[in-house]
Amino acid sequence: MARGKNSKNHHWWPVGLQSYWADRAGDVSWIEPNGKIGKKRSVNRKIGFKIHGHTIFRGTVWESNFEGEFDIDNEVHKIIPALQEMKPFGRTPKEFFTLIKMLGKKNRSLRDMCKFYHLEEELHRNLLLLMHSLLIRSPGNRSRYEGYPKMIGLPPDEEIGKANMAQNYQIAKKLCQKGLISNQYFVLMHSPLKKFIFGDGSLDWLTSGLVANRINGRTLLPLTPHLCVYFCTPMSMRSTPNCASFRVAPWIVDWINDITQIYSKDRIFFHGKPPKIADSFRRRQFLEHAEKTDTLIERLDEIVGIKKRRYLFLGPSHSL
């Protein structure tokens, strides 16, 4: 829950979301690039925060505080259960037998494995805003915002970073709450066994479009150890459905987790067994794709109906 001006501990990872990553004792675990593992009790609110991270100072003057703007945090326990109820294809006996038959087809696609839904407007807008809030206030984007002065030969500036963050979130909040929501599509990826990880940075090919006062692009966000959401904005689509749900194979979870490690710098949060550290995470930098393309993203785009620009398989073939 967002605490506004009453607390100096400003969370970039909502405590409500953290609760889904807590073990039976209520602890949330993380691993660092050097392999060191830590854990803390989620309810103590000492994870995923920065002191005065959303307070803009000028000298010794407390000029403004925008922590209270992240009130979408209060909707987490409505959003996540609603998404969990959008079950993947194969849950009913009829769907299960159809799925079994489909597994024998060599030319099946990810789209064939999906069940389709239409997100009603309130859930659509709330989920969209939650995803923007996670991206914009993440340490990864904070670092990028603080680095803007380097474009003109100046050192990074924390206060400029906060100002950029506040401005981008104000635009995002207005668009998510009042703007058009056509040509927006969500793909829900459920993984009941193998678990997703979450980092201090995420694949964000979305929020850069806010400078043009529009929502346009793609993002991939693990929300819980068992649920990851892909969002994109196709050039054209039917008004319904606007959401696909499917159960992902372990190799897809591995691929998404590898992407998470690329975009993370200091901490990877996990539930259960610690992930194997990738070389990208060991570098302790906020890395990114050289180009805004990834074979997995292209396959997720096919679910939505976006035609691929290219279709490359990296390494050995995988089973759907």
C-alpha atoms as a PDB file:
ATOM      1  CA  MET A   1       0.000   0.000   0.000  1.00  0.00           C
ATOM      2  CA  ALA A   2       1.267   3.469  -0.865  1.00  0.00           C
ATOM      3  CA  ARG A   3       1.812   5.533   2.299  1.00  0.00           C
ATOM      4  CA  GLY A   4       2.051   9.032   0.820  1.00  0.00           C
ATOM      5  CA  LYS A   5       3.948  11.617   2.863  1.00  0.00           C
ATOM      6  CA  ASN A   6       3.862   9.738   6.162  1.00  0.00           C
ATOM      7  CA  SER A   7       6.856   7.538   5.361  1.00  0.00           C
ATOM      8  CA  LYS A   8      10.317   8.194   3.959  1.00  0.00           C
ATOM      9  CA  ASN A   9      10.594   4.578   2.753  1.00  0.00           C
ATOM     10  CA  HIS A  10       9.300   4.777  -0.797  1.00  0.00           C
ATOM     11  CA  HIS A  11       8.720   1.400  -2.424  1.00  0.00           C
ATOM     12  CA  TRP A  12       9.505   0.674  -6.050  1.00  0.00           C
ATOM     13  CA  TRP A  13       8.187  -2.867  -5.508  1.00  0.00           C
ATOM     14  CA  PRO A  14       4.753  -2.747  -3.803  1.00  0.00           C
ATOM     15  CA  VAL A  15       4.522  -4.632  -0.522  1.00  0.00           C
ATOM     16  CA  GLY A  16       1.265  -6.150  -1.777  1.00  0.00           C
ATOM     17  CA  LEU A  17       3.100  -7.765  -4.690  1.00  0.00           C
ATOM     18  CA  GLN A  18       5.931  -8.877  -2.428  1.00  0.00           C
ATOM     19  CA  SER A  19       3.468 -10.973  -0.444  1.00  0.00           C
ATOM     20  CA  TYR A  20       3.069 -13.306  -3.433  1.00  0.00           C
ATOM     21  CA  TRP A  21       6.819 -13.984  -3.338  1.00  0.00           C
ATOM     22  CA  ALA A  22       6.969 -14.713   0.397  1.00  0.00           C
ATOM     23  CA  ASP A  23       7.656 -18.222   1.687  1.00  0.00           C
ATOM     24  CA  ARG A  24       5.676 -19.918   4.437  1.00  0.00           C
ATOM     25  CA  ALA A  25       7.564 -17.941   7.068  1.00  0.00           C
ATOM     26  CA  GLY A  26       6.675 -14.684   5.321  1.00  0.00           C
ATOM     27  CA  ASP A  27      10.206 -14.071   4.040  1.00  0.00           C
ATOM     28  CA  VAL A  28      11.087 -12.808   0.561  1.00  0.00           C
ATOM     29  CA  SER A  29      14.440 -14.046  -0.778  1.00  0.00           C
ATOM     30  CA  TRP A  30      16.863 -12.536  -3.247  1.00  0.00           C
ATOM     31  CA  ILE A  31      20.239 -13.294  -4.779  1.00  0.00           C
ATOM     32  CA  GLU A  32      22.989 -10.842  -5.711  1.00  0.00           C
ATOM     33  CA  PRO A  33      25.441 -11.019  -8.645  1.00  0.00           C
ATOM     34  CA  ASN A  34      28.156 -12.474  -6.382  1.00  0.00           C
ATOM     35  CA  GLY A  35      25.850 -15.314  -5.331  1.00  0.00           C
ATOM     36  CA  LYS A  36      25.070 -13.919  -1.876  1.00  0.00           C
ATOM     37  CA  ILE A  37      21.533 -14.776  -0.779  1.00  0.00           C
ATOM     38  CA  GLY A  38      19.459 -12.635   1.554  1.00  0.00           C
ATOM     39  CA  LYS A  39      15.913 -12.592   2.862  1.00  0.00           C
ATOM     40  CA  LYS A  40      13.647 -10.349   4.901  1.00  0.00           C
ATOM     41  CA  ARG A  41      10.124 -10.407   6.233  1.00  0.00           C
ATOM     42  CA  SER A  42       7.827  -8.786   3.677  1.00  0.00           C
ATOM     43  CA  VAL A  43       5.412  -7.277   6.212  1.00  0.00           C
ATOM     44  CA  ASN A  44       8.257  -5.249   7.753  1.00  0.00           C
ATOM     45  CA  ARG A  45       8.327  -3.148   4.565  1.00  0.00           C
ATOM     46  CA  LYS A  46      12.131  -3.216   4.274  1.00  0.00           C
ATOM     47  CA  ILE A  47      12.369  -4.718   0.770  1.00  0.00           C
ATOM     48  CA  GLY A  48      12.286  -3.008  -2.614  1.00  0.00           C
ATOM     49  CA  PHE A  49      12.376   0.573  -1.354  1.00  0.00           C
ATOM     50  CA  LYS A  50      14.556   3.686  -1.457  1.00  0.00           C
ATOM     51  CA  ILE A  51      14.634   6.290   1.308  1.00  0.00           C
ATOM     52  CA  HIS A  52      12.965   9.436  -0.051  1.00  0.00           C
ATOM     53  CA  GLY A  53      13.007   7.820  -3.466  1.00  0.00           C
ATOM     54  CA  HIS A  54       9.939   9.837  -4.474  1.00  0.00           C
ATOM     55  CA  THR A  55      10.804  13.094  -2.720  1.00  0.00           C
ATOM     56  CA  ILE A  56      12.278  15.870  -4.865  1.00  0.00           C
ATOM     57  CA  PHE A  57      14.702  18.098  -2.934  1.00  0.00           C
ATOM     58  CA  ARG A  58      16.343  21.391  -3.831  1.00  0.00           C
ATOM     59  CA  GLY A  59      19.252  21.933  -1.468  1.00  0.00           C
ATOM     60  CA  THR A  60      17.882  21.374   2.038  1.00  0.00           C
ATOM     61  CA  VAL A  61      14.294  22.141   1.089  1.00  0.00           C
ATOM     62  CA  TRP A  62      11.691  19.382   0.786  1.00  0.00           C
ATOM     63  CA  GLU A  63      10.071  20.588  -2.401  1.00  0.00           C
ATOM     64  CA  SER A  64       7.598  17.866  -3.347  1.00  0.00           C
ATOM     65  CA  ASN A  65       6.663  14.267  -2.674  1.00  0.00           C
ATOM     66  CA  PHE A  66       4.943  12.092  -5.263  1.00  0.00           C
ATOM     67  CA  GLU A  67       4.866   8.806  -3.333  1.00  0.00           C
ATOM     68  CA  GLY A  68       1.108   9.146  -2.894  1.00  0.00           C
ATOM     69  CA  GLU A  69       0.650   9.088  -6.669  1.00  0.00           C
ATOM     70  CA  PHE A  70       1.334   5.351  -6.636  1.00  0.00           C
ATOM     71  CA  ASP A  71      -2.052   4.571  -5.092  1.00  0.00           C
ATOM     72  CA  ILE A  72      -2.492   1.810  -7.680  1.00  0.00           C
ATOM     73  CA  ASP A  73      -0.544  -0.283  -5.136  1.00  0.00           C
ATOM     74  CA  ASN A  74      -3.774  -0.452  -3.135  1.00  0.00           C
ATOM     75  CA  GLU A  75      -5.414  -2.401  -5.975  1.00  0.00           C
ATOM     76  CA  VAL A  76      -2.840  -5.212  -6.136  1.00  0.00           C
ATOM     77  CA  HIS A  77      -4.970  -7.697  -4.199  1.00  0.00           C
ATOM     78  CA  LYS A  78      -7.839  -7.111  -6.623  1.00  0.00           C
ATOM     79  CA  ILE A  79      -5.744  -7.228  -9.791  1.00  0.00           C
ATOM     80  CA  ILE A  80      -3.733 -10.393  -9.128  1.00  0.00           C
ATOM     81  CA  PRO A  81      -6.681 -12.640  -8.101  1.00  0.00           C
ATOM     82  CA  ALA A  82      -8.630 -11.420 -11.147  1.00  0.00           C
ATOM     83  CA  LEU A  83      -5.757 -12.430 -13.431  1.00  0.00           C
ATOM     84  CA  GLN A  84      -5.355 -15.763 -11.668  1.00  0.00           C
ATOM     85  CA  GLU A  85      -9.011 -16.504 -12.391  1.00  0.00           C
ATOM     86  CA  MET A  86      -8.343 -16.204 -16.126  1.00  0.00           C
ATOM     87  CA  LYS A  87      -7.363 -19.844 -16.346  1.00  0.00           C
ATOM     88  CA  PRO A  88      -5.195 -21.158 -19.177  1.00  0.00           C
ATOM     89  CA  PHE A  89      -6.517 -23.499 -21.844  1.00  0.00           C
ATOM     90  CA  GLY A  90      -6.834 -27.113 -20.713  1.00  0.00           C
ATOM     91  CA  ARG A  91      -8.598 -26.724 -17.382  1.00  0.00           C
ATOM     92  CA  THR A  92     -11.902 -28.341 -18.388  1.00  0.00           C
ATOM     93  CA  PRO A  93     -12.153 -32.026 -19.477  1.00  0.00           C
ATOM     94  CA  LYS A  94     -13.027 -31.015 -23.053  1.00  0.00           C
ATOM     95  CA  GLU A  95     -10.141 -28.550 -23.248  1.00  0.00           C
ATOM     96  CA  PHE A  96      -7.775 -31.081 -21.695  1.00  0.00           C
ATOM     97  CA  PHE A  97      -8.457 -33.727 -24.344  1.00  0.00           C
ATOM     98  CA  THR A  98      -8.178 -31.104 -27.081  1.00  0.00           C
ATOM     99  CA  LEU A  99      -4.831 -30.077 -25.623  1.00  0.00           C
ATOM    100  CA  ILE A 100      -3.594 -33.678 -25.549  1.00  0.00           C
ATOM    101  CA  LYS A 101      -4.452 -34.094 -29.235  1.00  0.00           C
ATOM    102  CA  MET A 102      -2.748 -30.809 -30.039  1.00  0.00           C
ATOM    103  CA  LEU A 103       0.508 -31.907 -28.411  1.00  0.00           C
ATOM    104  CA  GLY A 104       0.925 -34.445 -31.188  1.00  0.00           C
ATOM    105  CA  LYS A 105       0.863 -31.801 -33.907  1.00  0.00           C
ATOM    106  CA  LYS A 106       4.241 -30.581 -35.112  1.00  0.00           C
ATOM    107  CA  ASN A 107       2.911 -27.325 -36.549  1.00  0.00           C
ATOM    108  CA  ARG A 108       1.108 -26.125 -33.429  1.00  0.00           C
ATOM    109  CA  SER A 109       1.700 -22.548 -32.316  1.00  0.00           C
ATOM    110  CA  LEU A 110       1.559 -20.807 -28.949  1.00  0.00           C
ATOM    111  CA  ARG A 111      -1.743 -19.304 -30.035  1.00  0.00           C
ATOM    112  CA  ASP A 112      -3.216 -22.799 -30.332  1.00  0.00           C
ATOM    113  CA  MET A 113      -2.451 -23.322 -26.633  1.00  0.00           C
ATOM    114  CA  CYS A 114      -4.307 -20.203 -25.469  1.00  0.00           C
ATOM    115  CA  LYS A 115      -7.672 -19.447 -23.973  1.00  0.00           C
ATOM    116  CA  PHE A 116      -8.969 -15.978 -24.801  1.00  0.00           C
ATOM    117  CA  TYR A 117     -10.662 -13.411 -22.583  1.00  0.00           C
ATOM    118  CA  HIS A 118     -11.797  -9.809 -22.595  1.00  0.00           C
ATOM    119  CA  LEU A 119     -10.557  -7.654 -19.734  1.00  0.00           C
ATOM    120  CA  GLU A 120     -13.317  -5.351 -18.586  1.00  0.00           C
ATOM    121  CA  GLU A 121     -12.353  -1.690 -18.526  1.00  0.00           C
ATOM    122  CA  GLU A 122     -11.594  -1.236 -14.826  1.00  0.00           C
ATOM    123  CA  LEU A 123      -9.287  -4.251 -14.672  1.00  0.00           C
ATOM    124  CA  HIS A 124      -7.685  -3.301 -17.988  1.00  0.00           C
ATOM    125  CA  ARG A 125      -6.874   0.227 -16.811  1.00  0.00           C
ATOM    126  CA  ASN A 126      -5.697  -0.867 -13.368  1.00  0.00           C
ATOM    127  CA  LEU A 127      -3.411  -3.577 -14.732  1.00  0.00           C
ATOM    128  CA  LEU A 128      -2.011  -1.173 -17.316  1.00  0.00           C
ATOM    129  CA  LEU A 129      -1.304   1.443 -14.645  1.00  0.00           C
ATOM    130  CA  LEU A 130       0.248  -1.103 -12.282  1.00  0.00           C
ATOM    131  CA  MET A 131       2.621  -2.251 -15.023  1.00  0.00           C
ATOM    132  CA  HIS A 132       3.596   1.326 -15.867  1.00  0.00           C
ATOM    133  CA  SER A 133       4.155   2.104 -12.188  1.00  0.00           C
ATOM    134  CA  LEU A 134       6.461  -0.900 -11.775  1.00  0.00           C
ATOM    135  CA  LEU A 135       8.487   0.051 -14.823  1.00  0.00           C
ATOM    136  CA  ILE A 136       8.776   3.792 -14.191  1.00  0.00           C
ATOM    137  CA  ARG A 137       9.869   3.592 -10.536  1.00  0.00           C
ATOM    138  CA  SER A 138      12.143   0.563 -10.967  1.00  0.00           C
ATOM    139  CA  PRO A 139      15.839   1.037 -10.123  1.00  0.00           C
ATOM    140  CA  GLY A 140      16.590   0.283 -13.774  1.00  0.00           C
ATOM    141  CA  ASN A 141      14.578   3.219 -15.063  1.00  0.00           C
ATOM    142  CA  ARG A 142      15.632   5.403 -12.130  1.00  0.00           C
ATOM    143  CA  SER A 143      19.235   4.902 -13.245  1.00  0.00           C
ATOM    144  CA  ARG A 144      18.298   5.842 -16.802  1.00  0.00           C
ATOM    145  CA  TYR A 145      16.427   8.975 -15.706  1.00  0.00           C
ATOM    146  CA  GLU A 146      19.332  10.061 -13.494  1.00  0.00           C
ATOM    147  CA  GLY A 147      21.712   9.599 -16.416  1.00  0.00           C
ATOM    148  CA  TYR A 148      19.987  12.065 -18.739  1.00  0.00           C
ATOM    149  CA  PRO A 149      22.423  14.910 -17.853  1.00  0.00           C
ATOM    150  CA  LYS A 150      25.251  12.802 -19.323  1.00  0.00           C
ATOM    151  CA  MET A 151      23.820  13.588 -22.762  1.00  0.00           C
ATOM    152  CA  ILE A 152      25.150  17.134 -22.376  1.00  0.00           C
ATOM    153  CA  GLY A 153      28.360  16.221 -20.583  1.00  0.00           C
ATOM    154  CA  LEU A 154      27.116  16.550 -17.002  1.00  0.00           C
ATOM    155  CA  PRO A 155      27.251  13.909 -14.251  1.00  0.00           C
ATOM    156  CA  PRO A 156      24.175  11.853 -13.301  1.00  0.00           C
ATOM    157  CA  ASP A 157      21.773  13.712 -11.014  1.00  0.00           C
ATOM    158  CA  GLU A 158      19.448  11.986  -8.543  1.00  0.00           C
ATOM    159  CA  GLU A 159      17.021  14.904  -8.300  1.00  0.00           C
ATOM    160  CA  ILE A 160      16.733  15.189 -12.072  1.00  0.00           C
ATOM    161  CA  GLY A 161      16.049  11.468 -12.100  1.00  0.00           C
ATOM    162  CA  LYS A 162      13.190  11.901  -9.633  1.00  0.00           C
ATOM    163  CA  ALA A 163      11.748  14.772 -11.656  1.00  0.00           C
ATOM    164  CA  ASN A 164      11.829  12.683 -14.833  1.00  0.00           C
ATOM    165  CA  MET A 165      10.232   9.786 -12.990  1.00  0.00           C
ATOM    166  CA  ALA A 166       7.441  11.981 -11.617  1.00  0.00           C
ATOM    167  CA  GLN A 167       6.761  13.544 -15.005  1.00  0.00           C
ATOM    168  CA  ASN A 168       6.617  10.202 -16.822  1.00  0.00           C
ATOM    169  CA  TYR A 169       4.336   8.693 -14.215  1.00  0.00           C
ATOM    170  CA  GLN A 170       1.956  11.661 -14.336  1.00  0.00           C
ATOM    171  CA  ILE A 171       1.633  11.171 -18.092  1.00  0.00           C
ATOM    172  CA  ALA A 172       1.210   7.410 -17.714  1.00  0.00           C
ATOM    173  CA  LYS A 173      -1.412   7.758 -14.989  1.00  0.00           C
ATOM    174  CA  LYS A 174      -3.495  10.149 -17.063  1.00  0.00           C
ATOM    175  CA  LEU A 175      -3.320   7.913 -20.148  1.00  0.00           C
ATOM    176  CA  CYS A 176      -4.056   4.710 -18.212  1.00  0.00           C
ATOM    177  CA  GLN A 177      -7.012   6.197 -16.353  1.00  0.00           C
ATOM    178  CA  LYS A 178      -8.563   8.424 -19.024  1.00  0.00           C
ATOM    179  CA  GLY A 179      -6.953   7.626 -22.382  1.00  0.00           C
ATOM    180  CA  LEU A 180      -8.051   5.288 -25.151  1.00  0.00           C
ATOM    181  CA  ILE A 181      -7.453   1.605 -24.441  1.00  0.00           C
ATOM    182  CA  SER A 182      -8.089   0.181 -27.890  1.00  0.00           C
ATOM    183  CA  ASN A 183      -5.274  -1.708 -29.621  1.00  0.00           C
ATOM    184  CA  GLN A 184      -3.865  -2.936 -26.321  1.00  0.00           C
ATOM    185  CA  TYR A 185      -3.346  -6.640 -25.646  1.00  0.00           C
ATOM    186  CA  PHE A 186      -2.287  -8.671 -22.615  1.00  0.00           C
ATOM    187  CA  VAL A 187      -0.870 -12.203 -22.636  1.00  0.00           C
ATOM    188  CA  LEU A 188      -1.030 -14.012 -19.285  1.00  0.00           C
ATOM    189  CA  MET A 189       1.574 -16.726 -18.812  1.00  0.00           C
ATOM    190  CA  HIS A 190       0.842 -19.185 -16.022  1.00  0.00           C
ATOM    191  CA  SER A 191       3.501 -21.539 -14.678  1.00  0.00           C
ATOM    192  CA  PRO A 192       2.179 -23.772 -11.883  1.00  0.00           C
ATOM    193  CA  LEU A 193       5.485 -25.576 -11.246  1.00  0.00           C
ATOM    194  CA  LYS A 194       8.597 -23.832 -12.581  1.00  0.00           C
ATOM    195  CA  LYS A 195       8.842 -20.325 -11.157  1.00  0.00           C
ATOM    196  CA  PHE A 196       9.504 -16.901 -12.588  1.00  0.00           C
ATOM    197  CA  ILE A 197      11.996 -14.511 -11.007  1.00  0.00           C
ATOM    198  CA  PHE A 198      11.741 -10.728 -10.581  1.00  0.00           C
ATOM    199  CA  GLY A 199      14.558  -8.183 -10.690  1.00  0.00           C
ATOM    200  CA  ASP A 200      15.337  -4.524 -10.105  1.00  0.00           C
ATOM    201  CA  GLY A 201      14.994  -3.933 -13.846  1.00  0.00           C
ATOM    202  CA  SER A 202      12.637  -5.257 -16.529  1.00  0.00           C
ATOM    203  CA  LEU A 203      12.268  -5.429 -20.293  1.00  0.00           C
ATOM    204  CA  ASP A 204      10.687  -2.050 -20.986  1.00  0.00           C
ATOM    205  CA  TRP A 205      10.058  -1.156 -24.611  1.00  0.00           C
ATOM    206  CA  LEU A 206       6.980   0.756 -23.495  1.00  0.00           C
ATOM    207  CA  THR A 207       7.529   3.807 -21.304  1.00  0.00           C
ATOM    208  CA  SER A 208       9.775   5.653 -23.772  1.00  0.00           C
ATOM    209  CA  GLY A 209       6.609   6.355 -25.781  1.00  0.00           C
ATOM    210  CA  LEU A 210       5.241   8.498 -22.957  1.00  0.00           C
ATOM    211  CA  VAL A 211       7.268  11.488 -24.162  1.00  0.00           C
ATOM    212  CA  ALA A 212       4.929  11.526 -27.179  1.00  0.00           C
ATOM    213  CA  ASN A 213       1.936  11.361 -24.810  1.00  0.00           C
ATOM    214  CA  ARG A 214       0.951   7.877 -25.931  1.00  0.00           C
ATOM    215  CA  ILE A 215       1.032   4.262 -24.808  1.00  0.00           C
ATOM    216  CA  ASN A 216       2.922   2.340 -27.443  1.00  0.00           C
ATOM    217  CA  GLY A 217       5.324  -0.576 -27.266  1.00  0.00           C
ATOM    218  CA  ARG A 218       5.926  -3.786 -25.355  1.00  0.00           C
ATOM    219  CA  THR A 219       6.862  -4.984 -21.911  1.00  0.00           C
ATOM    220  CA  LEU A 220       7.332  -8.284 -20.117  1.00  0.00           C
ATOM    221  CA  LEU A 221       6.695  -8.319 -16.359  1.00  0.00           C
ATOM    222  CA  PRO A 222       6.662 -11.221 -13.872  1.00  0.00           C
ATOM    223  CA  LEU A 223       4.058 -10.274 -11.257  1.00  0.00           C
ATOM    224  CA  THR A 224       4.195 -13.430  -9.121  1.00  0.00           C
ATOM    225  CA  PRO A 225       6.371 -16.570  -9.180  1.00  0.00           C
ATOM    226  CA  HIS A 226       3.581 -18.241 -11.164  1.00  0.00           C
ATOM    227  CA  LEU A 227       2.319 -15.388 -13.358  1.00  0.00           C
ATOM    228  CA  CYS A 228       4.056 -13.233 -15.955  1.00  0.00           C
ATOM    229  CA  VAL A 229       2.296 -10.663 -18.151  1.00  0.00           C
ATOM    230  CA  TYR A 230       3.270  -9.609 -21.666  1.00  0.00           C
ATOM    231  CA  PHE A 231       1.732  -6.380 -22.938  1.00  0.00           C
ATOM    232  CA  CYS A 232       1.853  -4.961 -26.449  1.00  0.00           C
ATOM    233  CA  THR A 233       0.090  -2.428 -28.665  1.00  0.00           C
ATOM    234  CA  PRO A 234      -0.721  -3.924 -32.090  1.00  0.00           C
ATOM    235  CA  MET A 235      -1.293  -1.581 -35.017  1.00  0.00           C
ATOM    236  CA  SER A 236      -4.721  -3.132 -35.505  1.00  0.00           C
ATOM    237  CA  MET A 237      -6.850  -5.714 -33.691  1.00  0.00           C
ATOM    238  CA  ARG A 238     -10.447  -6.625 -33.022  1.00  0.00           C
ATOM    239  CA  SER A 239     -12.101  -4.988 -30.045  1.00  0.00           C
ATOM    240  CA  THR A 240     -12.417  -8.377 -28.356  1.00  0.00           C
ATOM    241  CA  PRO A 241     -10.690 -10.444 -27.088  1.00  0.00           C
ATOM    242  CA  ASN A 242      -7.906  -8.340 -25.633  1.00  0.00           C
ATOM    243  CA  CYS A 243      -6.275 -11.001 -23.477  1.00  0.00           C
ATOM    244  CA  ALA A 244      -4.839 -14.485 -23.985  1.00  0.00           C
ATOM    245  CA  SER A 245      -3.982 -16.944 -21.232  1.00  0.00           C
ATOM    246  CA  PHE A 246      -1.853 -20.065 -21.493  1.00  0.00           C
ATOM    247  CA  ARG A 247       0.261 -22.426 -19.438  1.00  0.00           C
ATOM    248  CA  VAL A 248       3.913 -22.007 -20.349  1.00  0.00           C
ATOM    249  CA  ALA A 249       6.432 -24.779 -20.847  1.00  0.00           C
ATOM    250  CA  PRO A 250       9.549 -24.760 -18.620  1.00  0.00           C
ATOM    251  CA  TRP A 251      11.763 -23.529 -21.454  1.00  0.00           C
ATOM    252  CA  ILE A 252       9.654 -20.374 -21.767  1.00  0.00           C
ATOM    253  CA  VAL A 253      10.050 -19.690 -18.038  1.00  0.00           C
ATOM    254  CA  ASP A 254      13.814 -20.170 -18.421  1.00  0.00           C
ATOM    255  CA  TRP A 255      13.861 -17.754 -21.358  1.00  0.00           C
ATOM    256  CA  ILE A 256      11.881 -15.104 -19.481  1.00  0.00           C
ATOM    257  CA  ASN A 257      14.119 -15.532 -16.434  1.00  0.00           C
ATOM    258  CA  ASP A 258      17.198 -15.068 -18.625  1.00  0.00           C
ATOM    259  CA  ILE A 259      15.695 -11.818 -19.920  1.00  0.00           C
ATOM    260  CA  THR A 260      15.034 -10.694 -16.337  1.00  0.00           C
ATOM    261  CA  GLN A 261      18.699 -11.263 -15.474  1.00  0.00           C
ATOM    262  CA  ILE A 262      19.801  -9.156 -18.463  1.00  0.00           C
ATOM    263  CA  TYR A 263      17.799  -6.156 -17.255  1.00  0.00           C
ATOM    264  CA  SER A 264      18.643  -6.514 -13.536  1.00  0.00           C
ATOM    265  CA  LYS A 265      21.693  -5.158 -11.717  1.00  0.00           C
ATOM    266  CA  ASP A 266      21.781  -5.716  -7.956  1.00  0.00           C
ATOM    267  CA  ARG A 267      19.028  -8.124  -6.927  1.00  0.00           C
ATOM    268  CA  ILE A 268      16.999 -10.988  -8.314  1.00  0.00           C
ATOM    269  CA  PHE A 269      14.009 -11.996  -6.185  1.00  0.00           C
ATOM    270  CA  PHE A 270      12.917 -15.619  -6.205  1.00  0.00           C
ATOM    271  CA  HIS A 271      10.609 -18.086  -4.496  1.00  0.00           C
ATOM    272  CA  GLY A 272      11.939 -21.500  -3.553  1.00  0.00           C
ATOM    273  CA  LYS A 273      15.172 -22.643  -5.185  1.00  0.00           C
ATOM    274  CA  PRO A 274      17.666 -19.859  -6.047  1.00  0.00           C
ATOM    275  CA  PRO A 275      18.149 -19.296  -9.782  1.00  0.00           C
ATOM    276  CA  LYS A 276      21.422 -20.041 -11.515  1.00  0.00           C
ATOM    277  CA  ILE A 277      23.205 -16.726 -12.018  1.00  0.00           C
ATOM    278  CA  ALA A 278      23.679 -15.757 -15.667  1.00  0.00           C
ATOM    279  CA  ASP A 279      26.791 -14.012 -16.968  1.00  0.00           C
ATOM    280  CA  SER A 280      24.678 -10.954 -17.772  1.00  0.00           C
ATOM    281  CA  PHE A 281      23.645 -10.524 -14.124  1.00  0.00           C
ATOM    282  CA  ARG A 282      27.207 -11.110 -12.893  1.00  0.00           C
ATOM    283  CA  ARG A 283      28.237  -7.940 -14.704  1.00  0.00           C
ATOM    284  CA  ARG A 284      26.169  -5.915 -12.194  1.00  0.00           C
ATOM    285  CA  GLN A 285      24.895  -3.495 -14.829  1.00  0.00           C
ATOM    286  CA  PHE A 286      21.475  -2.575 -16.165  1.00  0.00           C
ATOM    287  CA  LEU A 287      21.886  -4.187 -19.582  1.00  0.00           C
ATOM    288  CA  GLU A 288      19.388  -4.346 -22.430  1.00  0.00           C
ATOM    289  CA  HIS A 289      18.885  -5.804 -25.892  1.00  0.00           C
ATOM    290  CA  ALA A 290      21.020  -4.143 -28.560  1.00  0.00           C
ATOM    291  CA  GLU A 291      17.844  -3.891 -30.660  1.00  0.00           C
ATOM    292  CA  LYS A 292      14.218  -4.065 -29.593  1.00  0.00           C
ATOM    293  CA  THR A 293      13.765  -7.615 -30.804  1.00  0.00           C
ATOM    294  CA  ASP A 294      13.822 -11.055 -29.241  1.00  0.00           C
ATOM    295  CA  THR A 295      12.654 -14.359 -30.678  1.00  0.00           C
ATOM    296  CA  LEU A 296      10.450 -15.070 -27.659  1.00  0.00           C
ATOM    297  CA  ILE A 297       8.789 -11.661 -27.976  1.00  0.00           C
ATOM    298  CA  GLU A 298       8.094 -12.383 -31.642  1.00  0.00           C
ATOM    299  CA  ARG A 299       6.426 -15.667 -30.703  1.00  0.00           C
ATOM    300  CA  LEU A 300       4.288 -13.912 -28.107  1.00  0.00           C
ATOM    301  CA  ASP A 301       3.370 -11.344 -30.754  1.00  0.00           C
ATOM    302  CA  GLU A 302       2.013 -14.189 -32.890  1.00  0.00           C
ATOM    303  CA  ILE A 303      -0.531 -14.935 -30.170  1.00  0.00           C
ATOM    304  CA  VAL A 304      -1.781 -11.372 -30.526  1.00  0.00           C
ATOM    305  CA  GLY A 305      -1.779 -11.572 -34.317  1.00  0.00           C
ATOM    306  CA  ILE A 306       1.241  -9.362 -34.960  1.00  0.00           C
ATOM    307  CA  LYS A 307       3.177 -10.613 -37.964  1.00  0.00           C
ATOM    308  CA  LYS A 308       6.817 -11.304 -37.300  1.00  0.00           C
ATOM    309  CA  ARG A 309       9.553  -9.332 -38.975  1.00  0.00           C
ATOM    310  CA  ARG A 310      11.826 -12.327 -38.741  1.00  0.00           C
ATOM    311  CA  TYR A 311      11.641 -15.736 -37.134  1.00  0.00           C
ATOM    312  CA  LEU A 312      14.903 -17.065 -35.750  1.00  0.00           C
ATOM    313  CA  PHE A 313      15.354 -19.997 -33.418  1.00  0.00           C
ATOM    314  CA  LEU A 314      18.284 -19.596 -31.070  1.00  0.00           C
ATOM    315  CA  GLY A 315      20.013 -22.816 -30.185  1.00  0.00           C
ATOM    316  CA  PRO A 316      18.213 -26.190 -30.143  1.00  0.00           C
ATOM    317  CA  SER A 317      14.509 -26.439 -30.826  1.00  0.00           C
ATOM    318  CA  HIS A 318      12.147 -26.483 -27.864  1.00  0.00           C
ATOM    319  CA  SER A 319       8.909 -28.296 -27.188  1.00  0.00           C
ATOM    320  CA  LEU A 320       5.765 -26.230 -26.680  1.00  0.00           C
END
